[in-house]
C-alpha cells in the first residue's frame, strides 16, 4: 500500500491481522517510469516489492497506535495551559 496522507490508516488497521501488510513511502515509488494509473501503479509496486527494492515504513503495533490516537484527541479537546492564570 502506498502511504498518502492518512488515508492508509483505516485500511491498514483492517488488513493488519490476517495479512502481511506494508506501508511504503511514496517517495520511494515516484521514480518508476510510465503512465500513472491505478493498475500500472499496483503492478509497478508489486514488481518493486518482488525485486526487493521497497522497504516498509515503521508502523507501531496496535496498542501503541491506539495510545497515540487517544493522545492526539486529548490535545485537541483540552486547551494548553497558560502559565500564570
N, C-alpha and C. Protein backbone atom coordinates (compact mmCIF):
# COMPACT_ATOMS: atom_id res chain seq x y z
N UNK A 1 0.84 -1.16 0.00
CA UNK A 1 0.00 0.00 0.00
C UNK A 1 0.89 1.23 0.00
N UNK A 2 0.57 2.18 -0.81
CA UNK A 2 1.34 3.42 -0.89
C UNK A 2 0.75 4.41 0.11
N UNK A 3 1.59 4.97 0.97
CA UNK A 3 1.12 5.88 2.02
C UNK A 3 0.90 7.27 1.45
N UNK A 4 -0.33 7.73 1.48
CA UNK A 4 -0.66 9.07 1.04
C UNK A 4 -1.52 9.72 2.11
N UNK A 5 -1.02 10.78 2.71
CA UNK A 5 -1.70 11.46 3.81
C UNK A 5 -2.04 10.44 4.90
N UNK A 6 -3.23 10.44 5.41
CA UNK A 6 -3.58 9.48 6.46
C UNK A 6 -4.68 8.52 5.99
N UNK A 7 -4.93 8.47 4.69
CA UNK A 7 -5.98 7.60 4.15
C UNK A 7 -5.64 6.12 4.30
N UNK A 8 -4.40 5.80 4.52
CA UNK A 8 -3.98 4.41 4.64
C UNK A 8 -4.34 3.80 5.99
N UNK A 9 -4.57 4.62 7.00
CA UNK A 9 -4.74 4.11 8.37
C UNK A 9 -5.92 3.15 8.54
N UNK A 10 -7.15 3.48 8.10
CA UNK A 10 -8.25 2.53 8.30
C UNK A 10 -8.03 1.22 7.53
N UNK A 11 -7.51 1.32 6.33
CA UNK A 11 -7.27 0.11 5.53
C UNK A 11 -6.19 -0.74 6.20
N UNK A 12 -5.14 -0.10 6.66
CA UNK A 12 -4.07 -0.83 7.35
C UNK A 12 -4.60 -1.53 8.60
N UNK A 13 -5.45 -0.84 9.37
CA UNK A 13 -5.99 -1.43 10.59
C UNK A 13 -6.86 -2.65 10.29
N UNK A 14 -7.58 -2.63 9.17
CA UNK A 14 -8.40 -3.78 8.79
C UNK A 14 -7.56 -4.97 8.32
N UNK A 15 -6.52 -4.70 7.56
CA UNK A 15 -5.73 -5.76 6.94
C UNK A 15 -4.56 -6.23 7.80
N UNK A 16 -4.26 -5.53 8.87
CA UNK A 16 -3.06 -5.80 9.67
C UNK A 16 -3.03 -7.20 10.25
N UNK A 17 -4.11 -7.70 10.76
CA UNK A 17 -4.11 -9.02 11.40
C UNK A 17 -3.97 -10.17 10.44
N UNK A 18 -4.90 -10.33 9.48
CA UNK A 18 -4.88 -11.53 8.64
C UNK A 18 -3.82 -11.53 7.54
N UNK A 19 -3.24 -10.39 7.21
CA UNK A 19 -2.28 -10.30 6.10
C UNK A 19 -0.97 -9.67 6.55
N UNK A 20 0.08 -9.94 5.81
CA UNK A 20 1.32 -9.19 5.99
C UNK A 20 1.15 -7.90 5.21
N UNK A 21 1.11 -6.79 5.91
CA UNK A 21 0.78 -5.51 5.30
C UNK A 21 1.96 -4.56 5.44
N UNK A 22 2.31 -3.92 4.34
CA UNK A 22 3.38 -2.92 4.34
C UNK A 22 2.80 -1.59 3.92
N UNK A 23 3.28 -0.53 4.54
CA UNK A 23 3.03 0.83 4.08
C UNK A 23 4.37 1.34 3.59
N UNK A 24 4.38 1.84 2.35
CA UNK A 24 5.63 2.24 1.71
C UNK A 24 5.60 3.73 1.45
N UNK A 25 6.72 4.37 1.68
CA UNK A 25 6.85 5.80 1.43
C UNK A 25 6.71 6.07 -0.07
N UNK A 26 5.79 6.97 -0.48
CA UNK A 26 5.60 7.24 -1.91
C UNK A 26 6.83 7.83 -2.58
N UNK A 27 7.72 8.44 -1.82
CA UNK A 27 8.94 8.98 -2.42
C UNK A 27 9.82 7.88 -2.99
N UNK A 28 9.71 6.66 -2.45
CA UNK A 28 10.49 5.55 -2.96
C UNK A 28 9.91 4.99 -4.24
N UNK A 29 8.67 5.34 -4.56
CA UNK A 29 7.99 4.78 -5.72
C UNK A 29 7.89 5.77 -6.86
N UNK A 30 8.00 7.06 -6.59
CA UNK A 30 7.76 8.09 -7.60
C UNK A 30 8.69 7.99 -8.81
N UNK A 31 9.83 7.38 -8.65
CA UNK A 31 10.79 7.32 -9.75
C UNK A 31 10.48 6.23 -10.76
N UNK A 32 9.38 5.52 -10.58
CA UNK A 32 9.01 4.46 -11.52
C UNK A 32 8.48 5.12 -12.79
N UNK A 33 9.10 4.83 -13.95
CA UNK A 33 8.66 5.46 -15.19
C UNK A 33 7.35 4.85 -15.68
N UNK A 34 6.67 5.57 -16.56
CA UNK A 34 5.46 5.04 -17.17
C UNK A 34 4.24 5.87 -16.81
N UNK A 35 3.16 5.56 -17.48
CA UNK A 35 1.91 6.26 -17.26
C UNK A 35 1.32 5.86 -15.91
N UNK A 36 0.83 6.83 -15.17
CA UNK A 36 0.33 6.57 -13.82
C UNK A 36 -1.17 6.27 -13.85
N UNK A 37 -1.53 5.02 -13.66
CA UNK A 37 -2.91 4.62 -13.41
C UNK A 37 -2.88 3.69 -12.21
N UNK A 38 -4.04 3.40 -11.67
CA UNK A 38 -4.07 2.51 -10.50
C UNK A 38 -3.55 1.12 -10.83
N UNK A 39 -3.90 0.61 -12.03
CA UNK A 39 -3.45 -0.72 -12.42
C UNK A 39 -1.94 -0.72 -12.63
N UNK A 40 -1.42 0.27 -13.34
CA UNK A 40 0.02 0.36 -13.56
C UNK A 40 0.76 0.59 -12.25
N UNK A 41 0.18 1.41 -11.39
CA UNK A 41 0.78 1.66 -10.08
C UNK A 41 0.90 0.37 -9.28
N UNK A 42 -0.19 -0.37 -9.18
CA UNK A 42 -0.17 -1.60 -8.38
C UNK A 42 0.78 -2.63 -8.97
N UNK A 43 0.83 -2.72 -10.31
CA UNK A 43 1.76 -3.65 -10.96
C UNK A 43 3.20 -3.22 -10.70
N UNK A 44 3.45 -1.93 -10.80
CA UNK A 44 4.81 -1.43 -10.56
C UNK A 44 5.25 -1.64 -9.12
N UNK A 45 4.34 -1.40 -8.18
CA UNK A 45 4.66 -1.60 -6.77
C UNK A 45 4.94 -3.07 -6.50
N UNK A 46 4.12 -3.96 -7.09
CA UNK A 46 4.34 -5.40 -6.91
C UNK A 46 5.69 -5.83 -7.48
N UNK A 47 6.06 -5.29 -8.65
CA UNK A 47 7.37 -5.61 -9.24
C UNK A 47 8.52 -5.13 -8.36
N UNK A 48 8.41 -3.92 -7.85
CA UNK A 48 9.46 -3.39 -6.98
C UNK A 48 9.58 -4.23 -5.71
N UNK A 49 8.44 -4.64 -5.18
CA UNK A 49 8.45 -5.47 -3.97
C UNK A 49 9.07 -6.84 -4.25
N UNK A 50 8.72 -7.44 -5.39
CA UNK A 50 9.28 -8.74 -5.74
C UNK A 50 10.79 -8.71 -5.89
N UNK A 51 11.31 -7.59 -6.36
CA UNK A 51 12.75 -7.46 -6.57
C UNK A 51 13.47 -6.93 -5.33
N UNK A 52 12.74 -6.73 -4.25
CA UNK A 52 13.37 -6.29 -3.00
C UNK A 52 13.79 -4.84 -2.99
N UNK A 53 13.14 -4.01 -3.80
CA UNK A 53 13.52 -2.60 -3.91
C UNK A 53 12.71 -1.68 -2.99
N UNK A 54 11.79 -2.24 -2.24
CA UNK A 54 11.00 -1.45 -1.31
C UNK A 54 11.24 -1.94 0.10
N UNK A 55 11.08 -1.04 1.03
CA UNK A 55 11.14 -1.45 2.44
C UNK A 55 9.96 -0.80 3.15
N UNK A 56 9.42 -1.50 4.14
CA UNK A 56 8.23 -0.96 4.81
C UNK A 56 8.57 0.20 5.73
N UNK A 57 7.62 1.10 5.86
CA UNK A 57 7.75 2.18 6.83
C UNK A 57 7.50 1.60 8.22
N UNK A 58 8.01 2.29 9.23
CA UNK A 58 7.79 1.84 10.59
C UNK A 58 6.36 2.17 11.00
N UNK A 59 5.62 1.16 11.39
CA UNK A 59 4.27 1.33 11.92
C UNK A 59 4.26 0.67 13.30
N UNK A 60 3.97 1.42 14.36
CA UNK A 60 3.95 0.82 15.70
C UNK A 60 2.84 -0.23 15.80
N UNK A 61 2.94 -1.09 16.79
CA UNK A 61 1.92 -2.11 16.98
C UNK A 61 0.60 -1.47 17.40
N UNK A 62 -0.48 -2.23 17.34
CA UNK A 62 -1.82 -1.70 17.56
C UNK A 62 -2.00 -0.96 18.89
N UNK A 63 -1.55 -1.51 20.03
CA UNK A 63 -1.74 -0.75 21.29
C UNK A 63 -1.04 0.62 21.27
N UNK A 64 0.13 0.68 20.67
CA UNK A 64 0.84 1.96 20.58
C UNK A 64 0.11 2.93 19.67
N UNK A 65 -0.43 2.44 18.55
CA UNK A 65 -1.20 3.31 17.64
C UNK A 65 -2.44 3.85 18.33
N UNK A 66 -3.13 2.99 19.10
CA UNK A 66 -4.33 3.44 19.80
C UNK A 66 -4.00 4.48 20.87
N UNK A 67 -2.89 4.29 21.59
CA UNK A 67 -2.47 5.26 22.59
C UNK A 67 -2.12 6.60 21.94
N UNK A 68 -1.43 6.56 20.81
CA UNK A 68 -1.10 7.81 20.10
C UNK A 68 -2.36 8.54 19.64
N UNK A 69 -3.33 7.78 19.12
CA UNK A 69 -4.57 8.39 18.66
C UNK A 69 -5.32 9.04 19.83
N UNK A 70 -5.36 8.35 20.97
CA UNK A 70 -6.01 8.90 22.16
C UNK A 70 -5.31 10.18 22.61
N UNK A 71 -3.99 10.19 22.59
CA UNK A 71 -3.23 11.37 22.99
C UNK A 71 -3.49 12.53 22.04
N UNK A 72 -3.57 12.25 20.74
CA UNK A 72 -3.85 13.31 19.76
C UNK A 72 -5.24 13.90 19.97
N UNK A 73 -6.22 13.03 20.25
CA UNK A 73 -7.57 13.53 20.52
C UNK A 73 -7.60 14.38 21.77
N UNK A 74 -6.90 13.95 22.80
CA UNK A 74 -6.88 14.70 24.06
C UNK A 74 -6.29 16.09 23.85
N UNK A 75 -5.23 16.20 23.08
CA UNK A 75 -4.61 17.51 22.85
C UNK A 75 -5.53 18.43 22.04
N UNK A 76 -6.44 17.86 21.26
CA UNK A 76 -7.40 18.69 20.54
C UNK A 76 -8.53 19.15 21.45
N UNK A 77 -8.92 18.32 22.42
CA UNK A 77 -10.04 18.63 23.29
C UNK A 77 -9.66 19.57 24.43
N UNK A 78 -8.46 19.42 24.97
CA UNK A 78 -8.04 20.19 26.13
C UNK A 78 -7.09 21.30 25.67
N UNK A 79 -7.44 22.57 25.93
CA UNK A 79 -6.56 23.65 25.50
C UNK A 79 -5.27 23.63 26.34
N UNK A 80 -4.18 24.10 25.77
CA UNK A 80 -2.92 24.13 26.54
C UNK A 80 -3.05 25.08 27.72
N UNK A 81 -2.42 24.71 28.82
CA UNK A 81 -2.49 25.57 30.00
C UNK A 81 -1.59 26.79 29.81
N UNK A 82 -2.05 27.90 30.31
CA UNK A 82 -1.30 29.14 30.20
C UNK A 82 -0.67 29.43 31.57
N UNK A 83 0.67 29.56 31.65
CA UNK A 83 1.30 29.83 32.93
C UNK A 83 0.84 31.16 33.51
N UNK A 84 0.61 31.19 34.82
CA UNK A 84 0.23 32.43 35.48
C UNK A 84 -1.25 32.68 35.53
N UNK A 85 -2.07 31.78 35.03
CA UNK A 85 -3.52 32.00 35.07
C UNK A 85 -4.16 31.12 36.10
